[in-house]
Amino acid sequence: ILVLEGRNRELMAKLKQEMNLAAQNLEFERAAQLRDRIGDLEKTMEKQIISSSHSRDLDVFGLYTQENAICLSVLRVKNGLVSSHHSYYLPEVLGHGPTIMAEALERFYDQESRPPAEILCSVAPDTQELLQEWLTDKRGAIVRLRRPQRGDGLKLLKMAEKNAAQGFREKSGGQE
């Protein structure tokens, strides 16, 4: 359950403590099983990207466009770790990047119960101030939309953009 809640670090500490206790009690088979579980968890955690030195929740929207088709990639970050990824492909869209991003945010959070405090966007939505107000009301606390220029936020944004481009290639049959 801790893994599903994004509390991998807590689980890792608990497993290491159990392994050390088993070894002290000369329960070597149990200690070996726990060591293997720790190794499996480490492999899983290696696949997750640490977004910052402090734990925080945020969503990252990367947009890839070509002619009238788009792919939007959404990374969900929970407790500082990328916890999920979704791509949405639309073969025929009218509008340009800022309009598309604004509509994507509206549709995405219209179905979500509570947006995170921070949302990173590869393209600034054309109705950013209105969206921030709406999302703040929906959350019950301040929500910031931003496009980072450096640091961990920029790395996450680049990852979302790369995922969007890859999703585009996969969904469009490789037509670029």
Protein backbone atom coordinates (compact mmCIF):
# COMPACT_ATOMS: atom_id res chain seq x y z
CA ILE A 1 0.00 0.00 0.00
CA LEU A 2 2.87 2.39 0.74
CA VAL A 3 4.11 2.03 -2.86
CA LEU A 4 0.68 2.88 -4.25
CA GLU A 5 0.56 5.96 -2.03
CA GLY A 6 3.94 7.10 -3.34
CA ARG A 7 5.65 6.48 0.00
CA ASN A 8 8.52 4.38 -1.39
CA ARG A 9 11.17 5.96 0.83
CA GLU A 10 9.19 5.09 3.94
CA LEU A 11 8.74 1.50 2.75
CA MET A 12 12.45 1.22 1.93
CA ALA A 13 13.43 2.32 5.45
CA LYS A 14 10.95 -0.12 6.99
CA LEU A 15 12.22 -3.05 4.90
CA LYS A 16 15.86 -2.28 5.75
CA GLN A 17 15.02 -2.12 9.43
CA GLU A 18 13.21 -5.49 9.22
CA MET A 19 16.14 -7.02 7.31
CA ASN A 20 18.66 -5.86 9.91
CA LEU A 21 16.49 -7.19 12.73
CA ALA A 22 16.12 -10.56 10.98
CA ALA A 23 19.90 -10.79 10.51
CA GLN A 24 20.48 -9.95 14.18
CA ASN A 25 18.04 -12.71 15.16
CA LEU A 26 19.91 -15.14 12.86
CA GLU A 27 16.86 -15.43 10.56
CA PHE A 28 19.00 -15.47 7.45
CA GLU A 29 16.34 -16.77 5.04
CA ARG A 30 13.98 -13.99 6.10
CA ALA A 31 16.79 -11.42 5.81
CA ALA A 32 17.58 -12.70 2.29
CA GLN A 33 13.91 -12.41 1.27
CA LEU A 34 13.79 -8.85 2.58
CA ARG A 35 17.06 -8.05 0.77
CA ASP A 36 15.47 -9.26 -2.48
CA ARG A 37 12.35 -7.16 -1.87
CA ILE A 38 14.57 -4.14 -1.22
CA GLY A 39 16.40 -4.79 -4.51
CA ASP A 40 13.09 -5.00 -6.38
CA LEU A 41 11.90 -1.76 -4.79
CA GLU A 42 15.20 -0.03 -5.66
CA LYS A 43 14.76 -1.06 -9.30
CA THR A 44 11.25 0.37 -9.27
CA MET A 45 12.45 3.59 -7.66
CA GLU A 46 15.24 3.94 -10.25
CA LYS A 47 12.53 4.17 -12.90
CA GLN A 48 10.92 7.05 -11.08
CA ILE A 49 12.50 10.45 -11.52
CA ILE A 50 13.16 12.48 -8.41
CA SER A 51 11.72 15.89 -9.14
CA SER A 52 13.26 17.83 -6.29
CA SER A 53 15.11 17.57 -3.04
CA HIS A 54 11.91 18.29 -1.14
CA SER A 55 8.72 16.26 -1.42
CA ARG A 56 5.92 17.99 -3.26
CA ASP A 57 2.96 17.20 -5.47
CA LEU A 58 2.58 18.73 -8.92
CA ASP A 59 1.38 17.98 -12.43
CA VAL A 60 3.43 18.55 -15.57
CA PHE A 61 1.85 19.12 -19.01
CA GLY A 62 3.99 18.66 -22.12
CA LEU A 63 2.55 19.45 -25.54
CA TYR A 64 3.73 18.23 -28.94
CA THR A 65 2.05 19.57 -32.08
CA GLN A 66 2.42 18.84 -35.76
CA GLU A 67 0.13 20.43 -38.32
CA ASN A 68 -3.37 19.97 -36.82
CA ALA A 69 -2.54 16.98 -34.59
CA ILE A 70 -1.33 17.09 -30.99
CA CYS A 71 -0.22 14.83 -28.20
CA LEU A 72 -0.43 16.01 -24.61
CA SER A 73 1.60 14.22 -21.94
CA VAL A 74 0.70 14.58 -18.26
CA LEU A 75 3.15 13.56 -15.54
CA ARG A 76 1.71 13.26 -12.02
CA VAL A 77 4.32 13.91 -9.31
CA LYS A 78 3.51 12.75 -5.78
CA ASN A 79 5.85 13.31 -2.83
CA GLY A 80 8.60 14.42 -5.22
CA LEU A 81 8.44 11.29 -7.43
CA VAL A 82 6.81 10.79 -10.80
CA SER A 83 3.93 8.49 -9.92
CA SER A 84 2.09 8.23 -13.24
CA HIS A 85 2.09 9.29 -16.87
CA HIS A 86 -0.74 9.63 -19.37
CA SER A 87 -0.70 10.70 -23.02
CA TYR A 88 -3.63 12.06 -24.98
CA TYR A 89 -3.52 12.14 -28.78
CA LEU A 90 -5.90 14.24 -30.87
CA PRO A 91 -5.51 13.87 -34.65
CA GLU A 92 -7.36 17.08 -35.58
CA VAL A 93 -7.31 20.14 -33.36
CA LEU A 94 -8.08 23.75 -34.17
CA GLY A 95 -6.11 26.45 -32.44
CA HIS A 96 -2.55 27.16 -31.42
CA GLY A 97 -0.43 26.09 -28.43
CA PRO A 98 -1.69 28.51 -25.74
CA THR A 99 -5.35 27.90 -26.65
CA ILE A 100 -4.86 24.13 -26.76
CA MET A 101 -3.08 24.15 -23.37
CA ALA A 102 -5.86 26.23 -21.78
CA GLU A 103 -8.54 23.85 -23.03
CA ALA A 104 -6.52 20.80 -22.00
CA LEU A 105 -6.15 22.15 -18.45
CA GLU A 106 -9.86 22.97 -18.25
CA ARG A 107 -10.91 19.51 -19.41
CA PHE A 108 -8.35 17.68 -17.30
CA TYR A 109 -9.19 19.44 -14.04
CA ASP A 110 -12.92 19.55 -14.69
CA GLN A 111 -12.81 15.80 -14.04
CA GLU A 112 -10.19 15.90 -11.28
CA SER A 113 -11.34 16.47 -7.73
CA ARG A 114 -8.41 18.56 -6.46
CA PRO A 115 -5.54 20.02 -8.49
CA PRO A 116 -2.05 20.21 -6.95
CA ALA A 117 -0.60 23.51 -5.74
CA GLU A 118 1.73 23.70 -8.74
CA ILE A 119 1.16 22.89 -12.40
CA LEU A 120 3.98 23.11 -14.94
CA CYS A 121 3.08 23.78 -18.58
CA SER A 122 5.30 23.59 -21.67
CA VAL A 123 3.17 26.34 -23.21
CA ALA A 124 1.62 29.13 -21.15
CA PRO A 125 -2.19 28.91 -21.52
CA ASP A 126 -3.75 31.99 -23.07
CA THR A 127 -6.20 32.32 -20.15
CA GLN A 128 -3.60 31.68 -17.44
CA GLU A 129 -4.92 34.17 -14.87
CA LEU A 130 -8.51 32.94 -15.19
CA LEU A 131 -7.38 29.32 -15.02
CA GLN A 132 -5.31 29.99 -11.89
CA GLU A 133 -8.34 31.58 -10.22
CA TRP A 134 -10.61 28.67 -11.19
CA LEU A 135 -8.07 26.06 -10.07
CA THR A 136 -7.48 27.94 -6.80
CA ASP A 137 -11.22 27.92 -6.12
CA LYS A 138 -11.40 24.22 -6.98
CA ARG A 139 -8.46 23.39 -4.71
CA GLY A 140 -9.38 25.73 -1.88
CA ALA A 141 -5.78 26.98 -1.81
CA ILE A 142 -3.47 28.83 -4.20
CA VAL A 143 -2.60 27.04 -7.45
CA ARG A 144 0.22 28.33 -9.63
CA LEU A 145 0.63 27.66 -13.34
CA ARG A 146 4.19 28.17 -14.51
CA ARG A 147 6.74 27.39 -17.17
CA PRO A 148 10.09 26.76 -15.45
CA GLN A 149 13.27 28.01 -17.10
CA ARG A 150 15.79 25.92 -15.12
CA GLY A 151 16.24 23.29 -12.45
CA ASP A 152 14.18 20.22 -11.65
CA GLY A 153 10.99 21.78 -13.01
CA LEU A 154 12.60 22.26 -16.42
CA LYS A 155 13.84 18.64 -16.38
CA LEU A 156 10.32 17.41 -15.68
CA LEU A 157 8.92 19.65 -18.39
CA LYS A 158 11.45 18.34 -20.93
CA MET A 159 10.51 14.78 -19.93
CA ALA A 160 6.80 15.54 -20.48
CA GLU A 161 7.56 17.10 -23.87
CA LYS A 162 9.66 14.08 -24.86
CA ASN A 163 6.86 11.74 -23.75
CA ALA A 164 4.37 13.78 -25.79
CA ALA A 165 6.57 13.51 -28.91
CA GLN A 166 6.98 9.78 -28.38
CA GLY A 167 3.24 9.37 -27.77
CA PHE A 168 2.58 11.30 -30.97
CA ARG A 169 4.82 8.97 -32.97
CA GLU A 170 3.17 5.88 -31.46
CA LYS A 171 -0.43 7.08 -31.90
CA SER A 172 0.02 8.61 -35.34
CA GLY A 173 1.72 5.53 -36.72
CA GLY A 174 5.12 7.21 -36.84
CA GLN A 175 4.03 9.93 -39.26
CA GLU A 176 6.10 13.02 -38.56
